[in-house]
């Protein structure tokens, strides 16, 4: 069956849909956490889309981005609450968020940047057990952040290209 008038196909999202369930893991279940599994995998950063690592934190591309360049910055430790970060994690987290903003500006020249965190499932966190900051480039008139039609987003760049682009733009420390 082909898509008819008014239908858009987003088959790439099927993996995400299959991996989601109403019986989400408990927030303290690091073994079920996708971020913890990525860190434990031992895979190279270009395979896992980790853009930068600094001290106890890292920056990684969102595998299901709202827009090109969608980054997440988080502690390596499985921790849900902002107030439970150590001083070193807090400093590293904010330093990486700042570098994420710099790299997004350098790589994409956006009109603005969204930076934020959804703390807890009720606040919209898809993975509430592992605190993470979202960093997204935005352009005047864009519609890709807030889905405008049938939960479909149009991205003009694949994740490997985004990874290279942001790694090249990432501030050297």
Foldseek 3Di string as FASTA:
>chain_A
DDDDPQDDDDPVCVVVVVLDDPCDDDLQPLVRDPLLCLVPVPDDCLVQQFQDDDDQKTKGADQDDLEQLKIKIFGNDQAQDPVPDDPVRVVVRVVVLVLSVQLCCVLPVAPDKDKAWQADVVSPDPNRRTTIIIIGGHHVPDCSNPDDGDPDHDYDDHSSVSSVSSSVSGDDD
